[in-house]
Amino acid sequence: MHGPRKGAGLRLHQNGRIMTTTHSQSAPAPGKVYLVGAGPGAADLITVRGARLLAEADVVLHDALVEPEMLALCPQAKLVAVGKRCGKHSSAQHFINKQLIDHARTHRRVVRLKGGDPMLFGRADEELRALEGAGIEVEVVPGITAALAGAAALGRSLTLRGVARSVAFATQSRAPESAEIAAQASADSLVYYMGRDAAQRIAGELIDAGKPAGTPVAIVEAATTPRERRALLSLQALRDGAASSWFDAAQPSVLLIGDVFAGANAQRISRCTAQVAREAA
C-alpha cells in the first residue's frame, strides 16, 4: 500500500475515515541585489562596504569599465560581464534587468558592480524599477564618481570661493536643445561624461551659448589607473580639434570645464597642436 504523497498530511474526518491533505510548497524567497559603485578605477577606491559585499557575493554582474584588480576581490563569485561601452558590443539594458532578476531568484546575494557611482549616468533607476517590480529587495552602495577623481588628479577643486560656486554634471545628448546648452554653460564648473566623441561639438555649442572661448578645459583619461593621462587646453582649442589626436578611444575620459582648472597639473595642448596634426595628415 502506498503512503501519502510528499507534501501531504493526514487528518481524521468526522465520519472516522482518514483523509489525506496536500500542502502547496511555496517557492524560496528571492535573494537581494546590491547596486555597488566601483569608483573611478583603482581597486582600493571602492568603499569598505562595497568590498565586503564583493567578498560575500554569489554572482557579480559587472560593467566593462571595472578594472580586473577590482574583480579579484570576489574570487568566489560567478562573474557575468554586462558592460555598456560606446562603439563596442554591449548588453541591452532590458537584458541586464532580466539577468538581475533571474540571478536574484536563484542566489542569495547578487552584486551589480557599476563604474563610478551607480546613481550618476549609470541607468540605476531602470534596474531599480525592474527589481522592485519583480518583488526583489535592492540596496544601493555609492561610489566615487569620475568627476571627483578627475578633479583630484588635476589638483583642482570643483568649487572655489569667488570663482566657482556651481557645478554641473552632464552628458551630451544626440540633439541637445538650446535651453539645455545654455543651462550647462551657466555653471561655473562643468563636467562632461562620455563626451570624447562629441568634444568639438560640445565646445562649439558652449561658446555659442556665451561661454568665453578662453575658458580652461581639462581632460582626464582613465582616472586613478596606471593609464591615467591629463591634458589642458582652452575651450576654443577644443573646438578647433586640438585634442582629437590626443584622445585614446580605448579609455574612458571626462571633460572638466571652468576657470578653476587654470594651471591644472596636466599636459598643455594649444590650437597649434591641431594645426600641426592637420598639416601632418
Protein backbone atom coordinates (compact mmCIF):
# COMPACT_ATOMS: atom_id res chain seq x y z
CA MET A 1 0.00 0.00 0.00
CA HIS A 2 1.35 3.39 -0.95
CA GLY A 3 1.80 6.05 1.72
CA PRO A 4 0.72 9.66 1.36
CA ARG A 5 2.41 11.77 -1.31
CA LYS A 6 5.34 14.02 -0.42
CA GLY A 7 3.95 17.26 0.89
CA ALA A 8 0.72 15.54 2.01
CA GLY A 9 -0.61 15.25 5.57
CA LEU A 10 -3.18 13.09 7.39
CA ARG A 11 -6.31 14.21 9.23
CA LEU A 12 -9.25 12.39 10.76
CA HIS A 13 -12.58 13.16 9.10
CA GLN A 14 -15.67 13.46 11.36
CA ASN A 15 -17.06 10.19 9.96
CA GLY A 16 -13.98 8.33 11.18
CA ARG A 17 -12.23 7.95 7.86
CA ILE A 18 -8.61 9.03 7.47
CA MET A 19 -8.21 11.65 4.73
CA THR A 20 -5.03 12.87 3.08
CA THR A 21 -4.42 16.57 2.61
CA THR A 22 -1.81 18.23 0.39
CA HIS A 23 0.21 21.30 1.23
CA SER A 24 1.43 23.54 -1.55
CA GLN A 25 5.17 24.09 -1.34
CA SER A 26 5.99 27.80 -1.65
CA ALA A 27 8.89 28.95 -3.82
CA PRO A 28 12.02 30.02 -1.97
CA ALA A 29 12.29 33.72 -1.25
CA PRO A 30 14.45 35.61 -3.77
CA GLY A 31 17.86 36.94 -2.81
CA LYS A 32 18.92 40.53 -2.54
CA VAL A 33 20.58 42.69 -5.20
CA TYR A 34 23.17 45.34 -4.38
CA LEU A 35 23.94 48.10 -6.89
CA VAL A 36 27.54 48.84 -5.93
CA GLY A 37 29.65 51.74 -7.14
CA ALA A 38 33.12 50.51 -8.11
CA GLY A 39 34.56 54.01 -8.05
CA PRO A 40 36.67 55.67 -10.77
CA GLY A 41 39.11 52.84 -11.46
CA ALA A 42 41.64 51.95 -8.76
CA ALA A 43 40.58 48.87 -6.80
CA ASP A 44 41.40 50.46 -3.45
CA LEU A 45 38.98 53.34 -4.06
CA ILE A 46 35.87 51.18 -3.68
CA THR A 47 34.09 51.71 -0.36
CA VAL A 48 34.65 49.32 2.53
CA ARG A 49 31.02 48.20 2.28
CA GLY A 50 31.36 47.63 -1.45
CA ALA A 51 34.47 45.50 -0.99
CA ARG A 52 32.76 43.45 1.74
CA LEU A 53 29.75 42.78 -0.47
CA LEU A 54 32.00 41.66 -3.32
CA ALA A 55 33.72 39.21 -0.97
CA GLU A 56 30.32 37.79 0.05
CA ALA A 57 28.61 37.79 -3.36
CA ASP A 58 27.35 34.68 -5.13
CA VAL A 59 27.13 36.44 -8.50
CA VAL A 60 28.69 39.70 -9.72
CA LEU A 61 27.36 41.37 -12.86
CA HIS A 62 29.97 43.97 -13.77
CA ASP A 63 30.49 46.86 -16.18
CA ALA A 64 33.18 46.89 -18.85
CA LEU A 65 34.91 49.79 -17.08
CA VAL A 66 35.60 47.77 -13.93
CA GLU A 67 39.32 47.02 -13.55
CA PRO A 68 40.49 43.37 -13.29
CA GLU A 69 42.03 44.15 -9.89
CA MET A 70 38.54 45.00 -8.64
CA LEU A 71 37.16 41.64 -9.74
CA ALA A 72 39.97 39.94 -7.84
CA LEU A 73 38.10 40.99 -4.68
CA CYS A 74 35.40 38.38 -5.40
CA PRO A 75 37.17 35.12 -6.40
CA GLN A 76 34.30 33.03 -5.01
CA ALA A 77 31.64 34.67 -7.18
CA LYS A 78 30.31 33.85 -10.61
CA LEU A 79 31.31 36.76 -12.87
CA VAL A 80 28.95 37.99 -15.56
CA ALA A 81 30.14 40.76 -17.90
CA VAL A 82 27.31 43.14 -18.83
CA GLY A 83 29.40 46.08 -19.96
CA LYS A 84 27.97 49.00 -21.91
CA ARG A 85 30.61 50.81 -23.95
CA CYS A 86 30.01 53.23 -26.77
CA GLY A 87 31.05 51.76 -30.10
CA LYS A 88 31.57 48.27 -28.65
CA HIS A 89 29.42 45.18 -28.25
CA SER A 90 27.35 45.58 -25.11
CA SER A 91 24.33 44.14 -23.36
CA ALA A 92 20.93 45.75 -23.89
CA GLN A 93 19.54 47.27 -20.70
CA HIS A 94 16.39 45.12 -20.70
CA PHE A 95 18.59 42.02 -20.89
CA ILE A 96 20.67 43.23 -17.93
CA ASN A 97 17.47 43.80 -15.96
CA LYS A 98 16.30 40.26 -16.74
CA GLN A 99 19.63 38.75 -15.70
CA LEU A 100 19.50 40.59 -12.37
CA ILE A 101 16.01 39.25 -11.69
CA ASP A 102 16.89 35.71 -12.77
CA HIS A 103 20.05 35.58 -10.64
CA ALA A 104 18.25 37.04 -7.62
CA ARG A 105 15.71 34.21 -7.83
CA THR A 106 18.43 31.56 -7.64
CA HIS A 107 21.14 33.20 -5.49
CA ARG A 108 21.14 34.78 -2.06
CA ARG A 109 23.41 37.75 -2.77
CA VAL A 110 23.79 39.39 -6.18
CA VAL A 111 26.05 42.37 -6.82
CA ARG A 112 25.60 44.68 -9.79
CA LEU A 113 29.02 46.36 -9.96
CA LYS A 114 28.95 49.70 -11.77
CA GLY A 115 31.83 52.01 -12.63
CA GLY A 116 31.86 55.24 -10.64
CA ASP A 117 28.63 55.85 -8.73
CA PRO A 118 25.52 53.83 -9.63
CA MET A 119 23.21 56.85 -9.42
CA LEU A 120 25.05 59.08 -11.88
CA PHE A 121 24.64 58.25 -15.58
CA GLY A 122 24.57 54.55 -14.70
CA ARG A 123 20.97 53.63 -15.57
CA ALA A 124 20.48 52.59 -11.97
CA ASP A 125 16.90 53.82 -11.95
CA GLU A 126 15.92 51.36 -14.71
CA GLU A 127 17.43 48.48 -12.76
CA LEU A 128 15.86 49.62 -9.50
CA ARG A 129 12.39 49.82 -11.04
CA ALA A 130 12.75 46.40 -12.71
CA LEU A 131 13.87 44.74 -9.48
CA GLU A 132 11.20 46.42 -7.37
CA GLY A 133 8.58 45.41 -9.93
CA ALA A 134 9.72 41.80 -9.58
CA GLY A 135 9.45 41.98 -5.79
CA ILE A 136 13.20 41.74 -5.23
CA GLU A 137 14.92 43.63 -2.43
CA VAL A 138 17.61 46.02 -3.62
CA GLU A 139 20.15 48.31 -1.97
CA VAL A 140 22.40 50.99 -3.47
CA VAL A 141 26.01 51.37 -2.31
CA PRO A 142 27.51 54.70 -3.50
CA GLY A 143 30.89 55.04 -5.18
CA ILE A 144 33.33 57.79 -6.10
CA THR A 145 32.34 59.29 -9.42
CA ALA A 146 34.82 60.15 -12.18
CA ALA A 147 34.29 63.91 -11.85
CA LEU A 148 35.66 63.88 -8.30
CA ALA A 149 38.56 61.61 -9.22
CA GLY A 150 39.39 63.79 -12.20
CA ALA A 151 39.45 66.96 -10.12
CA ALA A 152 41.68 65.24 -7.56
CA ALA A 153 44.09 64.12 -10.30
CA LEU A 154 44.31 67.69 -11.57
CA GLY A 155 44.90 69.09 -8.10
CA ARG A 156 41.97 71.47 -8.58
CA SER A 157 38.73 71.72 -6.63
CA LEU A 158 35.43 71.76 -8.48
CA THR A 159 34.37 74.64 -6.26
CA LEU A 160 36.42 77.66 -5.22
CA ARG A 161 35.39 80.68 -3.22
CA GLY A 162 34.97 83.65 -5.51
CA VAL A 163 35.49 81.58 -8.67
CA ALA A 164 33.15 78.57 -8.77
CA ARG A 165 30.01 78.25 -6.69
CA SER A 166 28.07 75.98 -9.03
CA VAL A 167 28.88 72.60 -10.55
CA ALA A 168 27.06 70.70 -13.29
CA PHE A 169 27.49 67.09 -14.41
CA ALA A 170 26.29 66.41 -17.94
CA THR A 171 26.35 64.06 -20.88
CA GLN A 172 25.99 65.17 -24.46
CA SER A 173 22.68 64.11 -25.95
CA ARG A 174 22.41 63.44 -29.66
CA ALA A 175 20.32 66.54 -30.33
CA PRO A 176 20.64 68.91 -27.36
CA GLU A 177 18.16 71.77 -27.06
CA SER A 178 19.44 75.33 -26.84
CA ALA A 179 17.95 75.69 -23.36
CA GLU A 180 19.91 72.65 -22.21
CA ILE A 181 23.20 74.02 -23.55
CA ALA A 182 22.51 77.45 -22.04
CA ALA A 183 21.89 75.88 -18.64
CA GLN A 184 25.12 73.91 -18.87
CA ALA A 185 27.10 76.96 -20.00
CA SER A 186 25.92 78.91 -16.95
CA ALA A 187 27.61 76.52 -14.49
CA ASP A 188 30.93 77.73 -13.08
CA SER A 189 32.40 74.22 -13.24
CA LEU A 190 31.08 71.82 -15.85
CA VAL A 191 31.94 68.14 -16.16
CA TYR A 192 31.01 66.10 -19.23
CA TYR A 193 30.85 62.34 -19.03
CA MET A 194 31.18 60.29 -22.21
CA GLY A 195 31.99 63.44 -24.15
CA ARG A 196 35.10 62.38 -26.07
CA ASP A 197 33.45 61.78 -29.45
CA ALA A 198 31.43 64.98 -29.22
CA ALA A 199 34.15 67.15 -27.65
CA GLN A 200 34.44 69.60 -30.55
CA ARG A 201 30.67 69.98 -30.80
CA ILE A 202 30.36 70.46 -27.04
CA ALA A 203 32.97 73.23 -27.11
CA GLY A 204 31.34 74.94 -30.07
CA GLU A 205 27.88 74.87 -28.53
CA LEU A 206 29.17 76.22 -25.21
CA ILE A 207 30.96 79.09 -26.95
CA ASP A 208 27.85 79.84 -29.00
CA ALA A 209 25.86 79.86 -25.74
CA GLY A 210 28.15 82.52 -24.27
CA LYS A 211 30.93 80.58 -22.55
CA PRO A 212 34.19 82.50 -23.08
CA ALA A 213 36.42 80.88 -25.70
CA GLY A 214 39.40 81.13 -23.37
CA THR A 215 37.77 79.06 -20.62
CA PRO A 216 40.17 76.33 -19.46
CA VAL A 217 39.30 72.72 -20.32
CA ALA A 218 40.97 69.80 -18.57
CA ILE A 219 40.68 66.26 -19.87
CA VAL A 220 41.31 63.32 -17.56
CA GLU A 221 41.55 59.88 -19.10
CA ALA A 222 41.44 56.57 -17.19
CA ALA A 223 41.48 58.41 -13.86
CA THR A 224 43.23 56.71 -10.90
CA THR A 225 44.58 53.85 -13.04
CA PRO A 226 48.16 53.32 -14.28
CA ARG A 227 46.91 54.51 -17.69
CA GLU A 228 45.81 57.91 -16.39
CA ARG A 229 46.60 60.91 -18.61
CA ARG A 230 45.70 64.59 -18.26
CA ALA A 231 45.53 67.41 -20.78
CA LEU A 232 44.81 71.13 -20.51
CA LEU A 233 43.65 73.46 -23.29
CA SER A 234 41.19 76.25 -23.96
CA LEU A 235 37.58 75.85 -24.98
CA GLN A 236 38.45 77.37 -28.37
CA ALA A 237 41.32 74.90 -28.86
CA LEU A 238 38.97 72.05 -28.05
CA ARG A 239 36.52 73.41 -30.62
CA ASP A 240 39.33 73.54 -33.18
CA GLY A 241 40.11 69.86 -32.66
CA ALA A 242 43.36 70.28 -30.74
CA ALA A 243 42.63 67.23 -28.58
CA SER A 244 41.38 64.95 -31.34
CA SER A 245 44.70 63.16 -31.81
CA TRP A 246 45.43 63.18 -28.07
CA PHE A 247 42.42 61.08 -27.05
CA ASP A 248 42.76 57.32 -26.66
CA ALA A 249 39.46 55.85 -27.83
CA ALA A 250 40.02 52.73 -25.70
CA GLN A 251 39.99 54.70 -22.42
CA PRO A 252 37.16 56.45 -20.57
CA SER A 253 37.55 60.19 -20.11
CA VAL A 254 35.85 63.21 -18.61
CA LEU A 255 35.96 66.84 -19.74
CA LEU A 256 36.23 69.36 -16.92
CA ILE A 257 35.47 72.93 -17.99
CA GLY A 258 35.83 76.11 -15.94
CA ASP A 259 38.17 78.77 -14.60
CA VAL A 260 39.05 76.64 -11.57
CA PHE A 261 41.10 74.37 -13.84
CA ALA A 262 43.53 77.09 -14.96
CA GLY A 263 47.05 75.94 -14.14
CA ALA A 264 45.95 72.36 -13.51
CA ASN A 265 48.55 69.60 -13.35
CA ALA A 266 48.24 68.40 -16.96
CA GLN A 267 49.90 68.36 -20.36
CA ARG A 268 49.15 71.59 -22.20
CA ILE A 269 47.64 71.45 -25.67
CA SER A 270 47.17 74.51 -27.88
CA ARG A 271 45.43 75.29 -31.15
CA CYS A 272 48.82 74.84 -32.80
CA THR A 273 48.56 71.14 -31.92
CA ALA A 274 45.51 70.83 -34.12
CA GLN A 275 47.15 72.78 -36.93
CA VAL A 276 50.26 70.56 -36.83
CA ALA A 277 48.06 67.44 -36.85
CA ARG A 278 46.13 68.69 -39.89
CA GLU A 279 49.32 69.55 -41.78
CA ALA A 280 50.84 66.14 -40.98
CA ALA A 281 47.74 64.45 -42.36
